Amino acid sequence: MGGYGSGFRGQKNLAVEDCRTLSLPDLLREKAVVSGVRLQARINQLHDRIEASLRQSLRVAASQSELDPTIEVNAMANLLMCFVTGRWHQFAKSGFKRMPTELWSMQWQAL
């Protein structure tokens, strides 16, 4: 009897052999890649929704004459989203000590 679960001498059952070659780190890495792809999709969706909300808020402000009419709403929403993303990055990089709202009152005037 030559194989693993096979009736043919010298022939191995590929499913059994494949299971023997898979290691826990390989399985975890594969899970992390799949999870990472899903997580990235969710983060992208979050960013898109926030930017859409910023655009809508800027449109409302423009319609109520609270925003300079020469400002392009889509460009401004993107600029604000870049600012927010940068602040999140600084917050995480500081070990969640440097508050995202730090210096906001002075920086808002520049934006």
N, C-alpha and C. Protein backbone atom coordinates (compact mmCIF):
# COMPACT_ATOMS: atom_id res chain seq x y z
N MET A 1 0.86 -1.18 0.00
CA MET A 1 0.00 0.00 0.00
C MET A 1 0.89 1.23 0.00
N GLY A 2 0.83 1.98 -1.04
CA GLY A 2 1.79 3.06 -1.16
C GLY A 2 1.28 4.42 -0.80
N GLY A 3 0.01 4.72 -0.79
CA GLY A 3 -0.40 6.10 -0.66
C GLY A 3 -1.07 6.42 0.65
N TYR A 4 -1.44 7.66 0.76
CA TYR A 4 -2.17 8.16 1.92
C TYR A 4 -3.64 8.23 1.55
N GLY A 5 -4.37 7.22 1.85
CA GLY A 5 -5.79 7.23 1.55
C GLY A 5 -6.07 6.89 0.10
N SER A 6 -5.11 6.50 -0.63
CA SER A 6 -5.30 6.17 -2.03
C SER A 6 -5.12 4.68 -2.20
N GLY A 7 -5.83 4.07 -3.11
CA GLY A 7 -5.72 2.65 -3.34
C GLY A 7 -4.61 2.30 -4.31
N PHE A 8 -3.91 3.31 -4.84
CA PHE A 8 -2.88 3.07 -5.84
C PHE A 8 -1.50 3.19 -5.23
N ARG A 9 -0.67 2.22 -5.50
CA ARG A 9 0.69 2.18 -4.97
C ARG A 9 1.51 3.35 -5.54
N GLY A 10 2.22 4.12 -4.65
CA GLY A 10 3.08 5.19 -5.09
C GLY A 10 2.38 6.51 -5.36
N GLN A 11 1.08 6.55 -5.29
CA GLN A 11 0.34 7.78 -5.56
C GLN A 11 -0.17 8.34 -4.23
N LYS A 12 0.05 9.62 -3.99
CA LYS A 12 -0.37 10.23 -2.74
C LYS A 12 -1.66 11.01 -2.95
N ASN A 13 -2.44 11.05 -1.92
CA ASN A 13 -3.66 11.87 -1.95
C ASN A 13 -3.23 13.33 -1.83
N LEU A 14 -3.49 14.14 -2.85
CA LEU A 14 -3.01 15.52 -2.87
C LEU A 14 -3.58 16.36 -1.74
N ALA A 15 -4.83 16.14 -1.37
CA ALA A 15 -5.44 16.92 -0.30
C ALA A 15 -4.70 16.69 1.01
N VAL A 16 -4.34 15.46 1.30
CA VAL A 16 -3.61 15.16 2.53
C VAL A 16 -2.23 15.80 2.47
N GLU A 17 -1.56 15.68 1.34
CA GLU A 17 -0.21 16.24 1.18
C GLU A 17 -0.25 17.76 1.30
N ASP A 18 -1.26 18.41 0.72
CA ASP A 18 -1.39 19.86 0.82
C ASP A 18 -1.55 20.29 2.27
N CYS A 19 -2.33 19.57 3.04
CA CYS A 19 -2.55 19.91 4.45
C CYS A 19 -1.26 19.80 5.24
N ARG A 20 -0.41 18.85 4.87
CA ARG A 20 0.85 18.67 5.58
C ARG A 20 1.81 19.83 5.31
N THR A 21 1.70 20.47 4.15
CA THR A 21 2.63 21.55 3.81
C THR A 21 2.16 22.91 4.30
N LEU A 22 0.91 23.04 4.69
CA LEU A 22 0.42 24.32 5.20
C LEU A 22 0.83 24.48 6.65
N SER A 23 1.35 25.64 6.96
CA SER A 23 1.74 25.92 8.34
C SER A 23 0.81 26.97 8.91
N LEU A 24 0.78 27.07 10.21
CA LEU A 24 -0.06 28.07 10.87
C LEU A 24 0.30 29.48 10.44
N PRO A 25 1.59 29.84 10.37
CA PRO A 25 1.92 31.19 9.88
C PRO A 25 1.40 31.46 8.48
N ASP A 26 1.45 30.43 7.60
CA ASP A 26 0.93 30.61 6.25
C ASP A 26 -0.57 30.87 6.28
N LEU A 27 -1.28 30.12 7.10
CA LEU A 27 -2.73 30.30 7.20
C LEU A 27 -3.07 31.68 7.78
N LEU A 28 -2.32 32.10 8.80
CA LEU A 28 -2.57 33.41 9.41
C LEU A 28 -2.27 34.54 8.43
N ARG A 29 -1.18 34.37 7.66
CA ARG A 29 -0.83 35.38 6.66
C ARG A 29 -1.93 35.50 5.62
N GLU A 30 -2.45 34.36 5.17
CA GLU A 30 -3.53 34.37 4.19
C GLU A 30 -4.77 35.05 4.77
N LYS A 31 -5.10 34.76 6.02
CA LYS A 31 -6.25 35.38 6.69
C LYS A 31 -6.03 36.89 6.81
N ALA A 32 -4.80 37.29 7.14
CA ALA A 32 -4.49 38.71 7.29
C ALA A 32 -4.64 39.43 5.95
N VAL A 33 -4.23 38.81 4.87
CA VAL A 33 -4.36 39.43 3.55
C VAL A 33 -5.83 39.62 3.20
N VAL A 34 -6.63 38.58 3.41
CA VAL A 34 -8.06 38.68 3.12
C VAL A 34 -8.71 39.73 4.02
N SER A 35 -8.37 39.70 5.31
CA SER A 35 -8.92 40.68 6.25
C SER A 35 -8.46 42.08 5.89
N GLY A 36 -7.19 42.20 5.48
CA GLY A 36 -6.63 43.49 5.11
C GLY A 36 -7.35 44.10 3.92
N VAL A 37 -7.69 43.27 2.96
CA VAL A 37 -8.42 43.75 1.77
C VAL A 37 -9.79 44.25 2.18
N ARG A 38 -10.47 43.49 3.03
CA ARG A 38 -11.80 43.92 3.50
C ARG A 38 -11.71 45.19 4.33
N LEU A 39 -10.70 45.25 5.20
CA LEU A 39 -10.52 46.43 6.04
C LEU A 39 -10.23 47.65 5.18
N GLN A 40 -9.38 47.51 4.17
CA GLN A 40 -9.06 48.63 3.28
C GLN A 40 -10.31 49.11 2.55
N ALA A 41 -11.16 48.17 2.13
CA ALA A 41 -12.41 48.55 1.46
C ALA A 41 -13.31 49.34 2.41
N ARG A 42 -13.37 48.93 3.67
CA ARG A 42 -14.20 49.65 4.65
C ARG A 42 -13.64 51.03 4.95
N ILE A 43 -12.31 51.13 5.04
CA ILE A 43 -11.68 52.43 5.28
C ILE A 43 -11.92 53.36 4.10
N ASN A 44 -11.78 52.83 2.88
CA ASN A 44 -12.06 53.64 1.69
C ASN A 44 -13.49 54.13 1.69
N GLN A 45 -14.42 53.27 2.07
CA GLN A 45 -15.83 53.65 2.12
C GLN A 45 -16.05 54.75 3.16
N LEU A 46 -15.40 54.63 4.31
CA LEU A 46 -15.50 55.65 5.35
C LEU A 46 -14.99 56.99 4.84
N HIS A 47 -13.83 56.99 4.20
CA HIS A 47 -13.27 58.23 3.65
C HIS A 47 -14.20 58.83 2.60
N ASP A 48 -14.75 58.01 1.72
CA ASP A 48 -15.67 58.50 0.69
C ASP A 48 -16.91 59.13 1.31
N ARG A 49 -17.43 58.50 2.34
CA ARG A 49 -18.63 59.04 3.00
C ARG A 49 -18.35 60.36 3.71
N ILE A 50 -17.21 60.44 4.37
CA ILE A 50 -16.86 61.69 5.05
C ILE A 50 -16.68 62.81 4.03
N GLU A 51 -15.97 62.52 2.94
CA GLU A 51 -15.78 63.55 1.92
C GLU A 51 -17.11 63.96 1.30
N ALA A 52 -18.02 63.03 1.10
CA ALA A 52 -19.35 63.36 0.57
C ALA A 52 -20.11 64.25 1.55
N SER A 53 -19.98 63.96 2.84
CA SER A 53 -20.64 64.79 3.85
C SER A 53 -20.05 66.20 3.88
N LEU A 54 -18.73 66.28 3.73
CA LEU A 54 -18.09 67.59 3.67
C LEU A 54 -18.58 68.38 2.46
N ARG A 55 -18.66 67.72 1.30
CA ARG A 55 -19.17 68.39 0.09
C ARG A 55 -20.59 68.91 0.31
N GLN A 56 -21.43 68.07 0.91
CA GLN A 56 -22.82 68.48 1.15
C GLN A 56 -22.88 69.66 2.11
N SER A 57 -22.09 69.62 3.16
CA SER A 57 -22.07 70.73 4.12
C SER A 57 -21.59 72.02 3.47
N LEU A 58 -20.56 71.90 2.62
CA LEU A 58 -20.06 73.08 1.92
C LEU A 58 -21.09 73.63 0.94
N ARG A 59 -21.83 72.76 0.28
CA ARG A 59 -22.89 73.21 -0.64
C ARG A 59 -23.98 73.96 0.12
N VAL A 60 -24.34 73.43 1.30
CA VAL A 60 -25.35 74.10 2.12
C VAL A 60 -24.82 75.47 2.55
N ALA A 61 -23.57 75.52 2.99
CA ALA A 61 -22.97 76.79 3.40
C ALA A 61 -22.95 77.78 2.24
N ALA A 62 -22.62 77.29 1.04
CA ALA A 62 -22.59 78.17 -0.13
C ALA A 62 -23.99 78.68 -0.47
N SER A 63 -24.99 77.82 -0.35
CA SER A 63 -26.36 78.23 -0.67
C SER A 63 -26.89 79.25 0.33
N GLN A 64 -26.33 79.28 1.52
CA GLN A 64 -26.75 80.24 2.54
C GLN A 64 -25.79 81.43 2.63
N SER A 65 -24.97 81.59 1.62
CA SER A 65 -24.00 82.69 1.53
C SER A 65 -23.04 82.73 2.71
N GLU A 66 -22.71 81.57 3.26
CA GLU A 66 -21.76 81.49 4.37
C GLU A 66 -20.38 81.07 3.88
N LEU A 67 -20.22 80.91 2.56
CA LEU A 67 -18.97 80.45 1.98
C LEU A 67 -18.65 81.34 0.80
N ASP A 68 -17.40 81.66 0.65
CA ASP A 68 -16.95 82.48 -0.48
C ASP A 68 -17.40 81.80 -1.78
N PRO A 69 -18.13 82.50 -2.63
CA PRO A 69 -18.65 81.88 -3.85
C PRO A 69 -17.57 81.46 -4.85
N THR A 70 -16.36 81.96 -4.69
CA THR A 70 -15.29 81.57 -5.61
C THR A 70 -14.65 80.22 -5.23
N ILE A 71 -14.99 79.71 -4.06
CA ILE A 71 -14.42 78.43 -3.62
C ILE A 71 -15.12 77.28 -4.33
N GLU A 72 -14.32 76.39 -4.90
CA GLU A 72 -14.84 75.19 -5.57
C GLU A 72 -15.12 74.14 -4.49
N VAL A 73 -16.37 73.74 -4.36
CA VAL A 73 -16.81 72.86 -3.28
C VAL A 73 -16.07 71.52 -3.27
N ASN A 74 -15.92 70.89 -4.42
CA ASN A 74 -15.25 69.58 -4.47
C ASN A 74 -13.79 69.68 -4.05
N ALA A 75 -13.11 70.73 -4.51
CA ALA A 75 -11.71 70.92 -4.15
C ALA A 75 -11.56 71.19 -2.65
N MET A 76 -12.46 71.99 -2.11
CA MET A 76 -12.40 72.32 -0.68
C MET A 76 -12.70 71.09 0.17
N ALA A 77 -13.68 70.28 -0.25
CA ALA A 77 -14.00 69.06 0.49
C ALA A 77 -12.81 68.11 0.49
N ASN A 78 -12.12 68.01 -0.63
CA ASN A 78 -10.94 67.15 -0.71
C ASN A 78 -9.82 67.68 0.16
N LEU A 79 -9.61 68.98 0.16
CA LEU A 79 -8.59 69.59 1.01
C LEU A 79 -8.88 69.31 2.49
N LEU A 80 -10.13 69.47 2.89
CA LEU A 80 -10.51 69.19 4.28
C LEU A 80 -10.32 67.72 4.62
N MET A 81 -10.64 66.84 3.67
CA MET A 81 -10.46 65.41 3.90
C MET A 81 -8.98 65.08 4.07
N CYS A 82 -8.13 65.71 3.29
CA CYS A 82 -6.68 65.51 3.44
C CYS A 82 -6.22 65.99 4.81
N PHE A 83 -6.75 67.09 5.26
CA PHE A 83 -6.42 67.61 6.58
C PHE A 83 -6.85 66.63 7.67
N VAL A 84 -8.07 66.13 7.57
CA VAL A 84 -8.60 65.19 8.56
C VAL A 84 -7.76 63.91 8.58
N THR A 85 -7.44 63.39 7.41
CA THR A 85 -6.64 62.16 7.32
C THR A 85 -5.27 62.38 7.94
N GLY A 86 -4.67 63.51 7.67
CA GLY A 86 -3.37 63.83 8.27
C GLY A 86 -3.45 63.93 9.78
N ARG A 87 -4.51 64.51 10.27
CA ARG A 87 -4.69 64.62 11.72
C ARG A 87 -4.90 63.26 12.37
N TRP A 88 -5.65 62.38 11.71
CA TRP A 88 -5.83 61.01 12.22
C TRP A 88 -4.48 60.31 12.29
N HIS A 89 -3.68 60.50 11.24
CA HIS A 89 -2.37 59.87 11.18
C HIS A 89 -1.49 60.36 12.34
N GLN A 90 -1.47 61.68 12.57
CA GLN A 90 -0.67 62.23 13.66
C GLN A 90 -1.15 61.70 15.01
N PHE A 91 -2.47 61.59 15.17
CA PHE A 91 -3.05 61.10 16.41
C PHE A 91 -2.60 59.66 16.67
N ALA A 92 -2.68 58.81 15.66
CA ALA A 92 -2.27 57.41 15.82
C ALA A 92 -0.76 57.31 16.03
N LYS A 93 0.00 58.09 15.27
CA LYS A 93 1.47 58.05 15.36
C LYS A 93 1.96 58.49 16.74
N SER A 94 1.22 59.38 17.39
CA SER A 94 1.62 59.87 18.72
C SER A 94 1.19 58.92 19.84
N GLY A 95 0.66 57.77 19.47
CA GLY A 95 0.17 56.86 20.50
C GLY A 95 -1.14 57.35 21.09
N PHE A 96 -1.89 58.08 20.29
CA PHE A 96 -3.20 58.62 20.66
C PHE A 96 -3.09 59.65 21.78
N LYS A 97 -1.99 60.42 21.76
CA LYS A 97 -1.78 61.48 22.75
C LYS A 97 -1.98 62.86 22.16
N ARG A 98 -1.55 63.05 20.92
CA ARG A 98 -1.68 64.36 20.28
C ARG A 98 -3.07 64.48 19.69
N MET A 99 -3.87 65.35 20.26
CA MET A 99 -5.28 65.46 19.86
C MET A 99 -5.43 66.01 18.44
N PRO A 100 -6.33 65.43 17.66
CA PRO A 100 -6.55 65.90 16.29
C PRO A 100 -7.04 67.35 16.22
N THR A 101 -7.64 67.83 17.30
CA THR A 101 -8.17 69.20 17.30
C THR A 101 -7.14 70.24 17.76
N GLU A 102 -5.93 69.78 18.05
CA GLU A 102 -4.87 70.69 18.50
C GLU A 102 -4.63 71.78 17.45
N LEU A 103 -4.65 73.02 17.87
CA LEU A 103 -4.42 74.20 17.03
C LEU A 103 -5.50 74.43 15.97
N TRP A 104 -6.61 73.74 16.07
CA TRP A 104 -7.68 73.82 15.06
C TRP A 104 -8.16 75.25 14.83
N SER A 105 -8.36 76.00 15.92
CA SER A 105 -8.95 77.33 15.76
C SER A 105 -8.05 78.25 14.90
N MET A 106 -6.75 78.09 15.00
CA MET A 106 -5.85 78.90 14.19
C MET A 106 -5.72 78.34 12.77
N GLN A 107 -5.74 77.02 12.64
CA GLN A 107 -5.58 76.42 11.32
C GLN A 107 -6.83 76.56 10.46
N TRP A 108 -7.98 76.55 11.08
CA TRP A 108 -9.23 76.68 10.31
C TRP A 108 -9.23 77.98 9.51
N GLN A 109 -8.73 79.04 10.11
CA GLN A 109 -8.70 80.33 9.42
C GLN A 109 -7.85 80.26 8.17
N ALA A 110 -6.78 79.47 8.22
CA ALA A 110 -5.90 79.33 7.04
C ALA A 110 -6.55 78.49 5.95
N LEU A 111 -7.37 77.55 6.35
CA LEU A 111 -8.04 76.70 5.35
C LEU A 111 -9.16 77.48 4.70
